[in-house]
Amino acid sequence: RDNPESNNLHLLKKPVLLICTGLILFFTCKLIVEIFWLYGLGASESFRMEIYSILIYINLTVNIIYAIAILWMLPKQQYIML
């Protein structure tokens, strides 16, 4: 069993979880936008461009999540061979 004191990182401060969440968020939203792009071909071009511009904000959000994950990575432990 894991000792609660040994794992003192909060769940949202785990870099692997944040990176996986960012990947899932980005590609899920990209899939939704591409579905709108595929089935919205009969709509006006301004509608299609507005749907596609949503990816700009999603990309910004995911990049911020990645930056936070990098900041919360533990520093590499130094190892000295004797």
Protein backbone atom coordinates (compact mmCIF):
# COMPACT_ATOMS: atom_id res chain seq x y z
CA ARG A 1 0.00 0.00 0.00
CA ASP A 2 1.09 3.52 -0.70
CA ASN A 3 1.90 5.71 2.21
CA PRO A 4 -0.11 8.98 1.92
CA GLU A 5 2.81 10.97 3.30
CA SER A 6 5.20 9.63 0.65
CA ASN A 7 3.07 10.89 -2.21
CA ASN A 8 2.56 14.53 -1.30
CA LEU A 9 1.74 15.77 -4.82
CA HIS A 10 -1.84 16.80 -5.41
CA LEU A 11 -3.56 14.93 -8.26
CA LEU A 12 -3.74 18.02 -10.48
CA LYS A 13 -0.03 18.65 -9.98
CA LYS A 14 0.99 15.38 -11.61
CA PRO A 15 2.63 16.19 -14.95
CA VAL A 16 1.68 12.90 -16.62
CA LEU A 17 -1.99 13.46 -15.82
CA LEU A 18 -1.85 17.02 -17.13
CA ILE A 19 -0.14 16.01 -20.37
CA CYS A 20 -2.63 13.20 -20.99
CA THR A 21 -5.53 15.53 -20.20
CA GLY A 22 -4.15 18.10 -22.64
CA LEU A 23 -3.84 15.50 -25.40
CA ILE A 24 -7.35 14.18 -24.83
CA LEU A 25 -8.83 17.70 -24.69
CA PHE A 26 -7.09 18.87 -27.87
CA PHE A 27 -7.85 15.86 -30.02
CA THR A 28 -11.45 15.60 -28.81
CA CYS A 29 -12.08 19.23 -29.71
CA LYS A 30 -10.25 18.78 -33.01
CA LEU A 31 -12.49 15.82 -33.81
CA ILE A 32 -15.60 17.87 -33.04
CA VAL A 33 -14.38 20.78 -35.19
CA GLU A 34 -13.53 18.43 -38.07
CA ILE A 35 -17.01 16.89 -37.86
CA PHE A 36 -18.51 20.40 -38.07
CA TRP A 37 -16.18 21.09 -40.99
CA LEU A 38 -17.26 17.89 -42.75
CA TYR A 39 -21.01 18.26 -42.24
CA GLY A 40 -21.11 22.06 -42.33
CA LEU A 41 -20.01 22.33 -45.94
CA GLY A 42 -23.45 23.67 -46.93
CA ALA A 43 -23.19 26.45 -44.37
CA SER A 44 -21.64 29.82 -45.01
CA GLU A 45 -17.88 30.18 -45.14
CA SER A 46 -17.88 32.57 -42.17
CA PHE A 47 -19.59 29.89 -40.04
CA ARG A 48 -16.98 27.32 -41.02
CA MET A 49 -14.13 29.72 -40.25
CA GLU A 50 -15.62 30.55 -36.84
CA ILE A 51 -15.89 26.86 -36.02
CA TYR A 52 -12.28 26.34 -37.11
CA SER A 53 -11.09 29.36 -35.08
CA ILE A 54 -12.20 27.59 -31.91
CA LEU A 55 -9.08 25.44 -32.28
CA ILE A 56 -6.94 28.52 -31.71
CA TYR A 57 -8.34 28.95 -28.20
CA ILE A 58 -8.23 25.21 -27.49
CA ASN A 59 -4.59 25.12 -28.59
CA LEU A 60 -3.78 28.06 -26.30
CA THR A 61 -5.46 26.34 -23.37
CA VAL A 62 -3.67 23.05 -23.99
CA ASN A 63 -0.30 24.81 -24.31
CA ILE A 64 -0.91 26.48 -20.95
CA ILE A 65 -1.69 23.06 -19.46
CA TYR A 66 1.58 21.73 -20.91
CA ALA A 67 3.51 24.69 -19.46
CA ILE A 68 2.02 24.04 -16.03
CA ALA A 69 2.95 20.35 -16.34
CA ILE A 70 6.55 21.30 -17.14
CA LEU A 71 6.68 23.65 -14.15
CA TRP A 72 5.45 20.91 -11.81
CA MET A 73 7.92 18.27 -12.98
CA LEU A 74 10.24 17.14 -10.25
CA PRO A 75 13.87 18.08 -10.76
CA LYS A 76 16.19 15.31 -11.84
CA GLN A 77 17.83 13.66 -8.86
CA GLN A 78 21.59 13.93 -8.92
CA TYR A 79 23.43 10.67 -8.72
CA ILE A 80 27.09 10.43 -7.87
CA MET A 81 28.83 7.13 -8.38
CA LEU A 82 31.25 6.32 -5.64
